[in-house]
């Protein structure tokens, strides 16, 4: 499959070929993958596969960031997802993605947990919501 590797160590974004999820885990250096959807085009989505436990290691990082979103610890591989939910080649190219990727020099400082009561937006039922937000600061501060 055609993919795009985001490497925060080398600070590069490159087109790659991968065989399967096991190959992605090996490239990223993790046991568990998490997909972060970055685009939807018709019935096709683009996801960055990242280390699900990236913030849970002793010293998370280095990081990359897509636009203004939360920094992501470790590397990532962009692959596509078809309408059946199967992982397929990305339709994107590294040169189109690279301008949207940055490599912030930050440190993870922990999570902030907030709780509130809301009405579920789809079901209209009351529910208790717990949100965990990752916090960062510039490295060395």
C-alpha atoms as a PDB file:
ATOM      1  CA  UNK A   1       0.000   0.000   0.000  1.00  0.00           C
ATOM      2  CA  UNK A   2       1.086   3.541  -0.637  1.00  0.00           C
ATOM      3  CA  UNK A   3       1.501   5.531   2.539  1.00  0.00           C
ATOM      4  CA  UNK A   4       3.165   8.652   3.881  1.00  0.00           C
ATOM      5  CA  UNK A   5       5.658   8.476   6.746  1.00  0.00           C
ATOM      6  CA  UNK A   6       5.838  11.384   9.186  1.00  0.00           C
ATOM      7  CA  UNK A   7       9.170  11.060  10.993  1.00  0.00           C
ATOM      8  CA  UNK A   8       9.626  13.529  13.884  1.00  0.00           C
ATOM      9  CA  UNK A   9      13.225  12.393  14.506  1.00  0.00           C
ATOM     10  CA  UNK A  10      14.386  13.209  10.956  1.00  0.00           C
ATOM     11  CA  UNK A  11      11.670  15.919  10.657  1.00  0.00           C
ATOM     12  CA  UNK A  12      10.610  14.546   7.270  1.00  0.00           C
ATOM     13  CA  UNK A  13       7.400  13.647   5.433  1.00  0.00           C
ATOM     14  CA  UNK A  14       7.977  11.003   2.725  1.00  0.00           C
ATOM     15  CA  UNK A  15       6.037   8.647   0.457  1.00  0.00           C
ATOM     16  CA  UNK A  16       6.514   4.985   1.424  1.00  0.00           C
ATOM     17  CA  UNK A  17       5.193   1.500   0.654  1.00  0.00           C
ATOM     18  CA  UNK A  18       3.861  -0.703   3.477  1.00  0.00           C
ATOM     19  CA  UNK A  19       2.455  -4.217   3.383  1.00  0.00           C
ATOM     20  CA  UNK A  20       0.132  -4.195   6.388  1.00  0.00           C
ATOM     21  CA  UNK A  21      -0.485  -2.891   9.923  1.00  0.00           C
ATOM     22  CA  UNK A  22       2.334  -5.033  11.324  1.00  0.00           C
ATOM     23  CA  UNK A  23       4.762  -3.229   9.007  1.00  0.00           C
ATOM     24  CA  UNK A  24       3.375   0.131  10.186  1.00  0.00           C
ATOM     25  CA  UNK A  25       3.867  -0.898  13.845  1.00  0.00           C
ATOM     26  CA  UNK A  26       7.466  -1.830  13.066  1.00  0.00           C
ATOM     27  CA  UNK A  27       8.146   1.472  11.275  1.00  0.00           C
ATOM     28  CA  UNK A  28       6.623   3.524  14.106  1.00  0.00           C
ATOM     29  CA  UNK A  29       8.057   1.287  16.825  1.00  0.00           C
ATOM     30  CA  UNK A  30       4.897   0.473  18.759  1.00  0.00           C
ATOM     31  CA  UNK A  31       2.604  -2.367  19.854  1.00  0.00           C
ATOM     32  CA  UNK A  32      -0.771  -0.655  19.395  1.00  0.00           C
ATOM     33  CA  UNK A  33      -1.983   1.599  16.584  1.00  0.00           C
ATOM     34  CA  UNK A  34      -4.600   4.317  16.764  1.00  0.00           C
ATOM     35  CA  UNK A  35      -6.103   5.927  13.671  1.00  0.00           C
ATOM     36  CA  UNK A  36      -6.608   9.688  13.580  1.00  0.00           C
ATOM     37  CA  UNK A  37      -8.854  10.726  10.685  1.00  0.00           C
ATOM     38  CA  UNK A  38      -7.496  13.808   8.914  1.00  0.00           C
ATOM     39  CA  UNK A  39      -9.698  13.969   5.795  1.00  0.00           C
ATOM     40  CA  UNK A  40     -12.849  12.532   4.226  1.00  0.00           C
ATOM     41  CA  UNK A  41     -13.352  12.536   0.469  1.00  0.00           C
ATOM     42  CA  UNK A  42     -16.622  10.950  -0.690  1.00  0.00           C
ATOM     43  CA  UNK A  43     -16.578   7.438   0.816  1.00  0.00           C
ATOM     44  CA  UNK A  44     -12.819   7.473   1.389  1.00  0.00           C
ATOM     45  CA  UNK A  45     -11.015   8.674   4.505  1.00  0.00           C
ATOM     46  CA  UNK A  46      -7.377   9.447   5.193  1.00  0.00           C
ATOM     47  CA  UNK A  47      -5.956   8.440   8.578  1.00  0.00           C
ATOM     48  CA  UNK A  48      -2.668   8.879  10.374  1.00  0.00           C
ATOM     49  CA  UNK A  49      -1.809   5.664  12.198  1.00  0.00           C
ATOM     50  CA  UNK A  50       0.077   6.544  15.384  1.00  0.00           C
ATOM     51  CA  UNK A  51       1.320   4.890  18.571  1.00  0.00           C
ATOM     52  CA  UNK A  52      -1.775   4.555  20.764  1.00  0.00           C
ATOM     53  CA  UNK A  53       0.442   4.654  23.860  1.00  0.00           C
ATOM     54  CA  UNK A  54       2.669   7.500  22.645  1.00  0.00           C
ATOM     55  CA  UNK A  55       1.983   9.753  25.645  1.00  0.00           C
ATOM     56  CA  UNK A  56       2.185   6.917  28.193  1.00  0.00           C
ATOM     57  CA  UNK A  57       5.915   6.190  27.904  1.00  0.00           C
ATOM     58  CA  UNK A  58       8.447   7.641  30.374  1.00  0.00           C
ATOM     59  CA  UNK A  59       9.602  10.419  28.032  1.00  0.00           C
ATOM     60  CA  UNK A  60       7.110  10.992  25.196  1.00  0.00           C
ATOM     61  CA  UNK A  61       8.301  12.477  21.929  1.00  0.00           C
ATOM     62  CA  UNK A  62       9.589  13.688  19.641  1.00  0.00           C
ATOM     63  CA  UNK A  63       6.346  15.175  18.347  1.00  0.00           C
ATOM     64  CA  UNK A  64       4.682  16.156  15.107  1.00  0.00           C
ATOM     65  CA  UNK A  65       1.599  18.279  14.628  1.00  0.00           C
ATOM     66  CA  UNK A  66      -1.017  18.503  11.871  1.00  0.00           C
ATOM     67  CA  UNK A  67      -2.053  22.129  11.505  1.00  0.00           C
ATOM     68  CA  UNK A  68      -3.073  23.557  14.894  1.00  0.00           C
ATOM     69  CA  UNK A  69      -4.136  20.197  16.352  1.00  0.00           C
ATOM     70  CA  UNK A  70      -2.681  18.569  19.460  1.00  0.00           C
ATOM     71  CA  UNK A  71       0.937  17.348  19.047  1.00  0.00           C
ATOM     72  CA  UNK A  72       1.295  13.605  18.442  1.00  0.00           C
ATOM     73  CA  UNK A  73       4.094  11.629  20.108  1.00  0.00           C
ATOM     74  CA  UNK A  74       6.313   9.524  17.841  1.00  0.00           C
ATOM     75  CA  UNK A  75       5.955   8.891  14.142  1.00  0.00           C
ATOM     76  CA  UNK A  76       2.899   8.388  12.007  1.00  0.00           C
ATOM     77  CA  UNK A  77       1.906   6.738   8.744  1.00  0.00           C
ATOM     78  CA  UNK A  78      -0.929   8.084   6.607  1.00  0.00           C
ATOM     79  CA  UNK A  79      -3.045   5.434   4.884  1.00  0.00           C
ATOM     80  CA  UNK A  80      -6.520   5.476   3.351  1.00  0.00           C
ATOM     81  CA  UNK A  81      -9.719   3.791   4.516  1.00  0.00           C
ATOM     82  CA  UNK A  82     -12.344   2.722   1.977  1.00  0.00           C
ATOM     83  CA  UNK A  83     -16.133   2.668   2.422  1.00  0.00           C
ATOM     84  CA  UNK A  84     -15.975  -0.896   3.797  1.00  0.00           C
ATOM     85  CA  UNK A  85     -13.565   0.243   6.528  1.00  0.00           C
ATOM     86  CA  UNK A  86     -10.572  -1.532   4.997  1.00  0.00           C
ATOM     87  CA  UNK A  87      -7.114   0.023   5.068  1.00  0.00           C
ATOM     88  CA  UNK A  88      -5.999   0.978   1.554  1.00  0.00           C
ATOM     89  CA  UNK A  89      -3.390   3.152  -0.141  1.00  0.00           C
ATOM     90  CA  UNK A  90      -3.529   6.850   0.594  1.00  0.00           C
ATOM     91  CA  UNK A  91      -4.693   9.172  -2.170  1.00  0.00           C
ATOM     92  CA  UNK A  92      -2.445  11.917  -0.802  1.00  0.00           C
ATOM     93  CA  UNK A  93       1.171  12.709  -1.681  1.00  0.00           C
ATOM     94  CA  UNK A  94       3.930  13.679   0.738  1.00  0.00           C
ATOM     95  CA  UNK A  95       4.563  17.009  -1.007  1.00  0.00           C
ATOM     96  CA  UNK A  96       0.918  18.020  -0.408  1.00  0.00           C
ATOM     97  CA  UNK A  97       0.932  16.923   3.247  1.00  0.00           C
ATOM     98  CA  UNK A  98       4.369  18.274   4.262  1.00  0.00           C
ATOM     99  CA  UNK A  99       3.379  21.978   4.421  1.00  0.00           C
ATOM    100  CA  UNK A 100       0.664  21.077   6.962  1.00  0.00           C
ATOM    101  CA  UNK A 101       3.034  19.165   9.281  1.00  0.00           C
ATOM    102  CA  UNK A 102       5.231  20.824  11.905  1.00  0.00           C
ATOM    103  CA  UNK A 103       7.634  19.377  14.456  1.00  0.00           C
ATOM    104  CA  UNK A 104       7.115  21.375  17.671  1.00  0.00           C
ATOM    105  CA  UNK A 105       9.853  21.317  20.313  1.00  0.00           C
ATOM    106  CA  UNK A 106       7.537  20.658  23.257  1.00  0.00           C
ATOM    107  CA  UNK A 107       7.321  18.577  26.412  1.00  0.00           C
ATOM    108  CA  UNK A 108       4.238  16.667  27.527  1.00  0.00           C
ATOM    109  CA  UNK A 109       3.274  17.852  31.020  1.00  0.00           C
ATOM    110  CA  UNK A 110       0.315  15.575  31.750  1.00  0.00           C
ATOM    111  CA  UNK A 111      -3.433  15.447  31.328  1.00  0.00           C
ATOM    112  CA  UNK A 112      -6.176  17.752  32.560  1.00  0.00           C
ATOM    113  CA  UNK A 113      -9.474  16.006  33.310  1.00  0.00           C
ATOM    114  CA  UNK A 114     -12.776  17.868  33.189  1.00  0.00           C
ATOM    115  CA  UNK A 115     -16.278  16.599  33.883  1.00  0.00           C
ATOM    116  CA  UNK A 116     -19.679  18.030  33.068  1.00  0.00           C
ATOM    117  CA  UNK A 117     -23.274  17.035  32.396  1.00  0.00           C
ATOM    118  CA  UNK A 118     -24.574  17.502  28.860  1.00  0.00           C
ATOM    119  CA  UNK A 119     -27.410  16.413  26.612  1.00  0.00           C
ATOM    120  CA  UNK A 120     -26.154  13.876  24.067  1.00  0.00           C
ATOM    121  CA  UNK A 121     -26.190  15.666  20.671  1.00  0.00           C
ATOM    122  CA  UNK A 122     -27.566  12.708  18.693  1.00  0.00           C
ATOM    123  CA  UNK A 123     -29.743  10.890  21.249  1.00  0.00           C
ATOM    124  CA  UNK A 124     -31.050  13.874  23.172  1.00  0.00           C
ATOM    125  CA  UNK A 125     -30.407  12.078  26.477  1.00  0.00           C
ATOM    126  CA  UNK A 126     -28.631  13.493  29.521  1.00  0.00           C
ATOM    127  CA  UNK A 127     -25.134  12.130  30.072  1.00  0.00           C
ATOM    128  CA  UNK A 128     -22.048  12.714  32.173  1.00  0.00           C
ATOM    129  CA  UNK A 129     -18.991  13.604  30.069  1.00  0.00           C
ATOM    130  CA  UNK A 130     -15.370  13.129  31.127  1.00  0.00           C
ATOM    131  CA  UNK A 131     -12.730  14.777  28.935  1.00  0.00           C
ATOM    132  CA  UNK A 132      -8.955  14.308  29.156  1.00  0.00           C
ATOM    133  CA  UNK A 133      -6.836  16.947  27.471  1.00  0.00           C
ATOM    134  CA  UNK A 134      -3.105  16.533  26.852  1.00  0.00           C
ATOM    135  CA  UNK A 135      -0.992  19.486  28.009  1.00  0.00           C
ATOM    136  CA  UNK A 136       2.318  20.655  26.550  1.00  0.00           C
ATOM    137  CA  UNK A 137       4.887  23.371  27.162  1.00  0.00           C
ATOM    138  CA  UNK A 138       7.870  24.552  25.138  1.00  0.00           C
ATOM    139  CA  UNK A 139      10.898  22.319  25.838  1.00  0.00           C
ATOM    140  CA  UNK A 140      13.202  23.699  28.513  1.00  0.00           C
ATOM    141  CA  UNK A 141      10.688  26.079  30.147  1.00  0.00           C
END
